[in-house]
Amino acid sequence: MKQGEIKITPSNGIFKFINLSNAKNLADRAKKSMAILLGDDGRYWVVSLGLGEKLMKAGYEMAE
């Protein structure tokens, strides 16, 4: 990690956003590929592809 670089990771691996543009911004800037799903709380969830695959198997839908 470079000096001044901050690693922000939620404990459950899900970043939640109210609007799609902010979710896309995070997904585009992430070092690893991310998926954007429609959460059950009315928010957009940005998750790793692995977690996204598991959530889709559980019935969640892609936002894009």
N, C-alpha and C. Protein backbone atom coordinates (compact mmCIF):
# COMPACT_ATOMS: atom_id res chain seq x y z
N MET A 1 0.85 -1.17 0.00
CA MET A 1 0.00 0.00 0.00
C MET A 1 0.90 1.24 0.00
N LYS A 2 0.57 2.18 -0.84
CA LYS A 2 1.35 3.41 -0.93
C LYS A 2 1.06 4.31 0.26
N GLN A 3 2.02 5.15 0.58
CA GLN A 3 1.82 6.10 1.67
C GLN A 3 0.66 7.02 1.32
N GLY A 4 -0.23 7.23 2.25
CA GLY A 4 -1.39 8.09 2.04
C GLY A 4 -2.58 7.37 1.44
N GLU A 5 -2.40 6.10 1.04
CA GLU A 5 -3.49 5.33 0.48
C GLU A 5 -4.26 4.67 1.62
N ILE A 6 -5.55 4.81 1.61
CA ILE A 6 -6.38 4.25 2.67
C ILE A 6 -7.20 3.10 2.11
N LYS A 7 -7.17 1.99 2.79
CA LYS A 7 -7.96 0.83 2.38
C LYS A 7 -9.25 0.83 3.18
N ILE A 8 -10.38 0.97 2.49
CA ILE A 8 -11.69 0.98 3.14
C ILE A 8 -12.40 -0.31 2.76
N THR A 9 -12.69 -1.13 3.75
CA THR A 9 -13.37 -2.40 3.50
C THR A 9 -14.45 -2.59 4.55
N PRO A 10 -15.71 -2.69 4.12
CA PRO A 10 -16.75 -2.96 5.11
C PRO A 10 -16.60 -4.38 5.64
N SER A 11 -17.05 -4.61 6.84
CA SER A 11 -16.87 -5.92 7.47
C SER A 11 -17.55 -7.05 6.71
N ASN A 12 -18.65 -6.76 6.02
CA ASN A 12 -19.36 -7.81 5.30
C ASN A 12 -19.02 -7.84 3.81
N GLY A 13 -18.17 -6.96 3.34
CA GLY A 13 -17.77 -6.96 1.94
C GLY A 13 -18.76 -6.27 1.01
N ILE A 14 -19.73 -5.56 1.56
CA ILE A 14 -20.75 -4.90 0.74
C ILE A 14 -20.68 -3.39 0.96
N PHE A 15 -20.41 -2.66 -0.14
CA PHE A 15 -20.45 -1.19 -0.10
C PHE A 15 -21.84 -0.80 -0.58
N LYS A 16 -22.56 0.02 0.19
CA LYS A 16 -23.94 0.37 -0.14
C LYS A 16 -24.03 1.84 -0.53
N PHE A 17 -24.80 2.09 -1.63
CA PHE A 17 -24.96 3.45 -2.15
C PHE A 17 -26.43 3.74 -2.43
N ILE A 18 -26.81 5.00 -2.29
CA ILE A 18 -28.18 5.42 -2.58
C ILE A 18 -28.39 5.58 -4.08
N ASN A 19 -27.37 6.10 -4.79
CA ASN A 19 -27.56 6.28 -6.23
C ASN A 19 -26.55 5.47 -7.04
N LEU A 20 -26.97 5.11 -8.23
CA LEU A 20 -26.19 4.23 -9.09
C LEU A 20 -24.88 4.87 -9.54
N SER A 21 -24.87 6.18 -9.76
CA SER A 21 -23.64 6.82 -10.24
C SER A 21 -22.51 6.70 -9.23
N ASN A 22 -22.81 6.81 -7.94
CA ASN A 22 -21.77 6.65 -6.92
C ASN A 22 -21.29 5.19 -6.85
N ALA A 23 -22.21 4.26 -7.00
CA ALA A 23 -21.84 2.84 -7.00
C ALA A 23 -20.93 2.54 -8.19
N LYS A 24 -21.27 3.07 -9.36
CA LYS A 24 -20.45 2.85 -10.55
C LYS A 24 -19.07 3.48 -10.38
N ASN A 25 -19.02 4.64 -9.75
CA ASN A 25 -17.75 5.32 -9.52
C ASN A 25 -16.80 4.44 -8.69
N LEU A 26 -17.30 3.85 -7.62
CA LEU A 26 -16.47 2.97 -6.80
C LEU A 26 -16.06 1.73 -7.59
N ALA A 27 -17.00 1.11 -8.28
CA ALA A 27 -16.70 -0.10 -9.04
C ALA A 27 -15.65 0.18 -10.12
N ASP A 28 -15.72 1.33 -10.75
CA ASP A 28 -14.76 1.68 -11.81
C ASP A 28 -13.36 1.94 -11.25
N ARG A 29 -13.29 2.45 -10.02
CA ARG A 29 -11.99 2.80 -9.43
C ARG A 29 -11.34 1.66 -8.66
N ALA A 30 -12.09 0.60 -8.40
CA ALA A 30 -11.55 -0.52 -7.61
C ALA A 30 -10.45 -1.24 -8.37
N LYS A 31 -9.49 -1.77 -7.64
CA LYS A 31 -8.39 -2.51 -8.24
C LYS A 31 -8.86 -3.82 -8.84
N LYS A 32 -9.82 -4.47 -8.18
CA LYS A 32 -10.38 -5.73 -8.67
C LYS A 32 -11.76 -5.46 -9.26
N SER A 33 -12.20 -6.33 -10.14
CA SER A 33 -13.52 -6.19 -10.75
C SER A 33 -14.60 -6.33 -9.68
N MET A 34 -15.61 -5.50 -9.79
CA MET A 34 -16.71 -5.48 -8.83
C MET A 34 -18.04 -5.61 -9.56
N ALA A 35 -19.04 -6.09 -8.85
CA ALA A 35 -20.40 -6.20 -9.38
C ALA A 35 -21.29 -5.21 -8.63
N ILE A 36 -22.32 -4.73 -9.31
CA ILE A 36 -23.29 -3.83 -8.68
C ILE A 36 -24.63 -4.55 -8.69
N LEU A 37 -25.17 -4.77 -7.50
CA LEU A 37 -26.44 -5.48 -7.35
C LEU A 37 -27.49 -4.56 -6.74
N LEU A 38 -28.76 -4.93 -6.95
CA LEU A 38 -29.86 -4.24 -6.30
C LEU A 38 -30.06 -4.90 -4.94
N GLY A 39 -29.84 -4.16 -3.87
CA GLY A 39 -29.96 -4.72 -2.54
C GLY A 39 -31.39 -4.79 -2.06
N ASP A 40 -31.62 -5.56 -1.02
CA ASP A 40 -32.96 -5.70 -0.47
C ASP A 40 -33.34 -4.52 0.43
N ASP A 41 -32.43 -3.56 0.57
CA ASP A 41 -32.68 -2.38 1.38
C ASP A 41 -32.91 -1.13 0.52
N GLY A 42 -33.11 -1.34 -0.80
CA GLY A 42 -33.36 -0.21 -1.70
C GLY A 42 -32.10 0.52 -2.13
N ARG A 43 -30.93 -0.03 -1.84
CA ARG A 43 -29.67 0.59 -2.21
C ARG A 43 -28.95 -0.25 -3.26
N TYR A 44 -27.92 0.36 -3.84
CA TYR A 44 -27.07 -0.35 -4.79
C TYR A 44 -25.89 -0.91 -4.01
N TRP A 45 -25.64 -2.19 -4.16
CA TRP A 45 -24.55 -2.85 -3.45
C TRP A 45 -23.40 -3.10 -4.40
N VAL A 46 -22.21 -2.67 -4.02
CA VAL A 46 -21.00 -2.94 -4.80
C VAL A 46 -20.25 -4.03 -4.05
N VAL A 47 -20.04 -5.15 -4.74
CA VAL A 47 -19.42 -6.32 -4.10
C VAL A 47 -18.39 -6.94 -5.04
N SER A 48 -17.54 -7.79 -4.49
CA SER A 48 -16.60 -8.53 -5.33
C SER A 48 -17.38 -9.45 -6.27
N LEU A 49 -16.75 -9.87 -7.35
CA LEU A 49 -17.44 -10.75 -8.29
C LEU A 49 -17.82 -12.08 -7.64
N GLY A 50 -16.96 -12.59 -6.76
CA GLY A 50 -17.26 -13.85 -6.07
C GLY A 50 -18.49 -13.74 -5.19
N LEU A 51 -18.54 -12.68 -4.38
CA LEU A 51 -19.70 -12.46 -3.52
C LEU A 51 -20.93 -12.16 -4.36
N GLY A 52 -20.75 -11.41 -5.44
CA GLY A 52 -21.87 -11.10 -6.33
C GLY A 52 -22.49 -12.36 -6.91
N GLU A 53 -21.65 -13.31 -7.29
CA GLU A 53 -22.15 -14.57 -7.84
C GLU A 53 -22.98 -15.33 -6.80
N LYS A 54 -22.49 -15.35 -5.56
CA LYS A 54 -23.22 -16.03 -4.49
C LYS A 54 -24.56 -15.34 -4.23
N LEU A 55 -24.55 -14.00 -4.21
CA LEU A 55 -25.79 -13.27 -3.97
C LEU A 55 -26.79 -13.45 -5.10
N MET A 56 -26.30 -13.53 -6.34
CA MET A 56 -27.20 -13.74 -7.47
C MET A 56 -27.84 -15.13 -7.39
N LYS A 57 -27.09 -16.12 -6.95
CA LYS A 57 -27.64 -17.46 -6.77
C LYS A 57 -28.71 -17.46 -5.67
N ALA A 58 -28.60 -16.52 -4.73
CA ALA A 58 -29.56 -16.39 -3.65
C ALA A 58 -30.78 -15.56 -4.07
N GLY A 59 -30.78 -15.01 -5.30
CA GLY A 59 -31.94 -14.29 -5.80
C GLY A 59 -31.77 -12.81 -6.01
N TYR A 60 -30.62 -12.25 -5.72
CA TYR A 60 -30.38 -10.82 -5.96
C TYR A 60 -30.14 -10.58 -7.45
N GLU A 61 -30.41 -9.36 -7.91
CA GLU A 61 -30.28 -9.02 -9.33
C GLU A 61 -29.19 -8.00 -9.55
N MET A 62 -28.56 -8.09 -10.72
CA MET A 62 -27.56 -7.10 -11.14
C MET A 62 -28.26 -5.77 -11.39
N ALA A 63 -27.60 -4.67 -11.06
CA ALA A 63 -28.17 -3.34 -11.27
C ALA A 63 -27.98 -2.86 -12.69
N GLU A 64 -26.99 -3.38 -13.40
CA GLU A 64 -26.70 -2.88 -14.74
C GLU A 64 -27.22 -3.80 -15.79
